[in-house]
Amino acid sequence: MDEFMQAAIEEARQGLAEGGIPIGSVLVIDGRIVGRGHNRRVQKGSAILHAEMDCLENAGRLKAGDYRRAVLYTTLSPCDMCSGTALLYKIPKIVIGENKTFRGPEDYLRSRGVELIILDDPTCIRMMEEFIAQKPELWNEDIGE
């Protein structure tokens, strides 16, 4: 498995261990992880700390040219908020662990020129399926249902 997706999965597992939702993300520039994060809405009582948002926040302020060389890895298809942030900063490529349990606006991202790679990773799928089965109310809150 790709080392960067493996790092995102480790973030997802950390989030689950903290009592949160098992979604993880890393931001890679020039072959190096510059930011990592996991969904921390529950842990921080946050409205916006999805994994991708936490990852970008932890990467800190970057120059526009840095984002344009970046690859965002995420264990789950990004939602509207996270997709919008990727578009805002012109991140050209997103590697997605899985989009079976949730699918964000992937067609819109593609229409805006973002390259998406969907891995259909069984670890990512299993993690989300188990979580959704165990805590459907928390999952529905996270996706705004």
C-alpha atoms as a PDB file:
ATOM      1  CA  MET A   1       0.000   0.000   0.000  1.00  0.00           C
ATOM      2  CA  ASP A   2       1.038   3.560  -0.679  1.00  0.00           C
ATOM      3  CA  GLU A   3       2.975   4.979   2.303  1.00  0.00           C
ATOM      4  CA  PHE A   4       0.951   8.200   2.264  1.00  0.00           C
ATOM      5  CA  MET A   5      -2.422   6.445   2.318  1.00  0.00           C
ATOM      6  CA  GLN A   6      -1.030   4.266   5.106  1.00  0.00           C
ATOM      7  CA  ALA A   7      -0.244   7.466   7.057  1.00  0.00           C
ATOM      8  CA  ALA A   8      -3.820   8.688   6.463  1.00  0.00           C
ATOM      9  CA  ILE A   9      -5.164   5.354   7.744  1.00  0.00           C
ATOM     10  CA  GLU A  10      -2.986   5.698  10.854  1.00  0.00           C
ATOM     11  CA  GLU A  11      -4.559   9.120  11.416  1.00  0.00           C
ATOM     12  CA  ALA A  12      -8.034   7.605  11.027  1.00  0.00           C
ATOM     13  CA  ARG A  13      -7.210   4.931  13.599  1.00  0.00           C
ATOM     14  CA  GLN A  14      -5.947   7.598  15.991  1.00  0.00           C
ATOM     15  CA  GLY A  15      -9.223   9.485  15.624  1.00  0.00           C
ATOM     16  CA  LEU A  16     -11.200   6.339  16.406  1.00  0.00           C
ATOM     17  CA  ALA A  17      -9.008   5.642  19.452  1.00  0.00           C
ATOM     18  CA  GLU A  18      -9.795   9.171  20.687  1.00  0.00           C
ATOM     19  CA  GLY A  19     -13.540   8.493  20.469  1.00  0.00           C
ATOM     20  CA  GLY A  20     -13.980  10.237  17.139  1.00  0.00           C
ATOM     21  CA  ILE A  21     -14.812   9.326  13.577  1.00  0.00           C
ATOM     22  CA  PRO A  22     -12.186   7.208  11.770  1.00  0.00           C
ATOM     23  CA  ILE A  23     -11.247   9.437   8.847  1.00  0.00           C
ATOM     24  CA  GLY A  24      -7.649  10.524   8.266  1.00  0.00           C
ATOM     25  CA  SER A  25      -5.760  12.749   5.868  1.00  0.00           C
ATOM     26  CA  VAL A  26      -2.233  13.813   4.956  1.00  0.00           C
ATOM     27  CA  LEU A  27      -0.957  16.594   2.706  1.00  0.00           C
ATOM     28  CA  VAL A  28       2.094  15.706   0.615  1.00  0.00           C
ATOM     29  CA  ILE A  29       4.347  18.179  -1.185  1.00  0.00           C
ATOM     30  CA  ASP A  30       7.364  17.047  -3.171  1.00  0.00           C
ATOM     31  CA  GLY A  31       7.126  13.522  -1.755  1.00  0.00           C
ATOM     32  CA  ARG A  32       7.045  14.645   1.879  1.00  0.00           C
ATOM     33  CA  ILE A  33       4.187  14.800   4.398  1.00  0.00           C
ATOM     34  CA  VAL A  34       3.779  18.442   5.431  1.00  0.00           C
ATOM     35  CA  GLY A  35       0.497  18.093   7.303  1.00  0.00           C
ATOM     36  CA  ARG A  36      -1.545  15.336   8.846  1.00  0.00           C
ATOM     37  CA  GLY A  37      -4.867  15.206  10.611  1.00  0.00           C
ATOM     38  CA  HIS A  38      -7.977  13.259  11.449  1.00  0.00           C
ATOM     39  CA  ASN A  39     -11.615  14.035  12.051  1.00  0.00           C
ATOM     40  CA  ARG A  40     -11.729  15.760  15.441  1.00  0.00           C
ATOM     41  CA  ARG A  41     -15.259  17.167  15.494  1.00  0.00           C
ATOM     42  CA  VAL A  42     -16.169  15.050  18.521  1.00  0.00           C
ATOM     43  CA  GLN A  43     -12.890  15.507  20.379  1.00  0.00           C
ATOM     44  CA  LYS A  44     -12.812  19.309  19.931  1.00  0.00           C
ATOM     45  CA  GLY A  45     -16.560  19.989  19.832  1.00  0.00           C
ATOM     46  CA  SER A  46     -15.884  21.485  16.403  1.00  0.00           C
ATOM     47  CA  ALA A  47     -18.254  22.198  13.552  1.00  0.00           C
ATOM     48  CA  ILE A  48     -15.549  21.986  10.878  1.00  0.00           C
ATOM     49  CA  LEU A  49     -12.660  19.715  11.883  1.00  0.00           C
ATOM     50  CA  HIS A  50     -13.084  17.017   9.292  1.00  0.00           C
ATOM     51  CA  ALA A  51      -9.863  15.092   8.600  1.00  0.00           C
ATOM     52  CA  GLU A  52      -8.909  17.192   5.578  1.00  0.00           C
ATOM     53  CA  MET A  53      -9.552  20.462   7.423  1.00  0.00           C
ATOM     54  CA  ASP A  54      -7.507  19.281  10.420  1.00  0.00           C
ATOM     55  CA  CYS A  55      -4.710  18.197   8.080  1.00  0.00           C
ATOM     56  CA  LEU A  56      -4.601  21.541   6.263  1.00  0.00           C
ATOM     57  CA  GLU A  57      -4.763  23.422   9.564  1.00  0.00           C
ATOM     58  CA  ASN A  58      -1.859  21.370  10.907  1.00  0.00           C
ATOM     59  CA  ALA A  59       0.170  22.058   7.752  1.00  0.00           C
ATOM     60  CA  GLY A  60      -0.008  25.754   8.638  1.00  0.00           C
ATOM     61  CA  ARG A  61       0.116  28.661   6.235  1.00  0.00           C
ATOM     62  CA  LEU A  62       1.620  27.659   2.925  1.00  0.00           C
ATOM     63  CA  LYS A  63       2.375  29.628  -0.202  1.00  0.00           C
ATOM     64  CA  ALA A  64       0.016  29.332  -3.180  1.00  0.00           C
ATOM     65  CA  GLY A  65       2.743  27.567  -5.160  1.00  0.00           C
ATOM     66  CA  ASP A  66       3.075  24.946  -2.434  1.00  0.00           C
ATOM     67  CA  TYR A  67      -0.600  23.992  -2.637  1.00  0.00           C
ATOM     68  CA  ARG A  68      -0.345  23.758  -6.428  1.00  0.00           C
ATOM     69  CA  ARG A  69       2.314  21.028  -6.020  1.00  0.00           C
ATOM     70  CA  ALA A  70       0.424  19.207  -3.287  1.00  0.00           C
ATOM     71  CA  VAL A  71      -1.418  15.929  -3.166  1.00  0.00           C
ATOM     72  CA  LEU A  72      -4.155  15.537  -0.552  1.00  0.00           C
ATOM     73  CA  TYR A  73      -4.649  11.991   0.712  1.00  0.00           C
ATOM     74  CA  THR A  74      -7.859  11.155   2.526  1.00  0.00           C
ATOM     75  CA  THR A  75      -9.320   7.852   3.663  1.00  0.00           C
ATOM     76  CA  LEU A  76     -12.854   8.891   2.594  1.00  0.00           C
ATOM     77  CA  SER A  77     -14.248  10.855  -0.337  1.00  0.00           C
ATOM     78  CA  PRO A  78     -14.169  14.532   0.702  1.00  0.00           C
ATOM     79  CA  CYS A  79     -17.425  16.315   1.529  1.00  0.00           C
ATOM     80  CA  ASP A  80     -18.519  19.658   0.073  1.00  0.00           C
ATOM     81  CA  MET A  81     -16.615  21.651   2.714  1.00  0.00           C
ATOM     82  CA  CYS A  82     -13.339  19.785   2.291  1.00  0.00           C
ATOM     83  CA  SER A  83     -13.675  19.698  -1.499  1.00  0.00           C
ATOM     84  CA  GLY A  84     -14.267  23.453  -1.494  1.00  0.00           C
ATOM     85  CA  THR A  85     -11.130  24.013   0.545  1.00  0.00           C
ATOM     86  CA  ALA A  86      -9.097  21.912  -1.883  1.00  0.00           C
ATOM     87  CA  LEU A  87     -10.515  24.004  -4.746  1.00  0.00           C
ATOM     88  CA  LEU A  88      -9.835  27.278  -2.922  1.00  0.00           C
ATOM     89  CA  TYR A  89      -6.159  26.438  -2.557  1.00  0.00           C
ATOM     90  CA  LYS A  90      -5.950  24.833  -6.022  1.00  0.00           C
ATOM     91  CA  ILE A  91      -4.738  21.456  -4.783  1.00  0.00           C
ATOM     92  CA  PRO A  92      -4.476  19.579  -8.090  1.00  0.00           C
ATOM     93  CA  LYS A  93      -4.725  15.963  -6.931  1.00  0.00           C
ATOM     94  CA  ILE A  94      -6.656  14.066  -4.278  1.00  0.00           C
ATOM     95  CA  VAL A  95      -6.068  10.390  -3.506  1.00  0.00           C
ATOM     96  CA  ILE A  96      -9.187   8.887  -1.910  1.00  0.00           C
ATOM     97  CA  GLY A  97      -9.117   5.684   0.110  1.00  0.00           C
ATOM     98  CA  GLU A  98     -12.750   4.854  -0.599  1.00  0.00           C
ATOM     99  CA  ASN A  99     -16.035   6.342  -1.780  1.00  0.00           C
ATOM    100  CA  LYS A 100     -18.396   3.412  -1.136  1.00  0.00           C
ATOM    101  CA  THR A 101     -19.657   4.497   2.297  1.00  0.00           C
ATOM    102  CA  PHE A 102     -19.777   8.192   1.359  1.00  0.00           C
ATOM    103  CA  ARG A 103     -19.250  10.013  -1.896  1.00  0.00           C
ATOM    104  CA  GLY A 104     -18.608  13.736  -1.958  1.00  0.00           C
ATOM    105  CA  PRO A 105     -18.843  15.994  -5.026  1.00  0.00           C
ATOM    106  CA  GLU A 106     -16.273  14.057  -7.027  1.00  0.00           C
ATOM    107  CA  ASP A 107     -17.733  14.948 -10.437  1.00  0.00           C
ATOM    108  CA  TYR A 108     -17.598  18.644  -9.527  1.00  0.00           C
ATOM    109  CA  LEU A 109     -13.974  18.345  -8.417  1.00  0.00           C
ATOM    110  CA  ARG A 110     -13.134  16.677 -11.724  1.00  0.00           C
ATOM    111  CA  SER A 111     -15.008  19.387 -13.646  1.00  0.00           C
ATOM    112  CA  ARG A 112     -12.769  21.940 -11.935  1.00  0.00           C
ATOM    113  CA  GLY A 113      -9.633  20.104 -13.054  1.00  0.00           C
ATOM    114  CA  VAL A 114      -8.778  18.154  -9.909  1.00  0.00           C
ATOM    115  CA  GLU A 115      -7.315  14.704 -10.553  1.00  0.00           C
ATOM    116  CA  LEU A 116      -8.954  12.098  -8.327  1.00  0.00           C
ATOM    117  CA  ILE A 117      -7.553   8.653  -7.660  1.00  0.00           C
ATOM    118  CA  ILE A 118     -10.005   6.290  -5.952  1.00  0.00           C
ATOM    119  CA  LEU A 119      -8.227   3.346  -4.308  1.00  0.00           C
ATOM    120  CA  ASP A 120     -11.250   1.315  -3.117  1.00  0.00           C
ATOM    121  CA  ASP A 121      -9.036   0.346  -0.196  1.00  0.00           C
ATOM    122  CA  PRO A 122     -10.579  -2.514   1.827  1.00  0.00           C
ATOM    123  CA  THR A 123      -9.141  -1.219   5.115  1.00  0.00           C
ATOM    124  CA  CYS A 124     -10.751   2.195   4.600  1.00  0.00           C
ATOM    125  CA  ILE A 125     -14.073   0.630   3.585  1.00  0.00           C
ATOM    126  CA  ARG A 126     -14.123  -1.769   6.559  1.00  0.00           C
ATOM    127  CA  MET A 127     -13.226   0.992   9.035  1.00  0.00           C
ATOM    128  CA  MET A 128     -16.136   3.167   7.886  1.00  0.00           C
ATOM    129  CA  GLU A 129     -18.666   0.349   7.552  1.00  0.00           C
ATOM    130  CA  GLU A 130     -17.937  -0.806  11.099  1.00  0.00           C
ATOM    131  CA  PHE A 131     -18.105   2.728  12.472  1.00  0.00           C
ATOM    132  CA  ILE A 132     -21.370   3.565  10.680  1.00  0.00           C
ATOM    133  CA  ALA A 133     -22.940   0.311  11.952  1.00  0.00           C
ATOM    134  CA  GLN A 134     -21.815   1.010  15.531  1.00  0.00           C
ATOM    135  CA  LYS A 135     -22.521   4.760  15.709  1.00  0.00           C
ATOM    136  CA  PRO A 136     -25.026   5.755  13.010  1.00  0.00           C
ATOM    137  CA  GLU A 137     -26.191   8.856  14.911  1.00  0.00           C
ATOM    138  CA  LEU A 138     -22.651  10.241  15.143  1.00  0.00           C
ATOM    139  CA  TRP A 139     -22.015   9.489  11.477  1.00  0.00           C
ATOM    140  CA  ASN A 140     -25.247  11.210  10.418  1.00  0.00           C
ATOM    141  CA  GLU A 141     -24.311  14.270  12.463  1.00  0.00           C
ATOM    142  CA  ASP A 142     -20.904  14.398  10.793  1.00  0.00           C
ATOM    143  CA  ILE A 143     -22.338  14.408   7.272  1.00  0.00           C
ATOM    144  CA  GLY A 144     -25.175  16.786   8.167  1.00  0.00           C
ATOM    145  CA  GLU A 145     -28.083  14.334   8.090  1.00  0.00           C
END
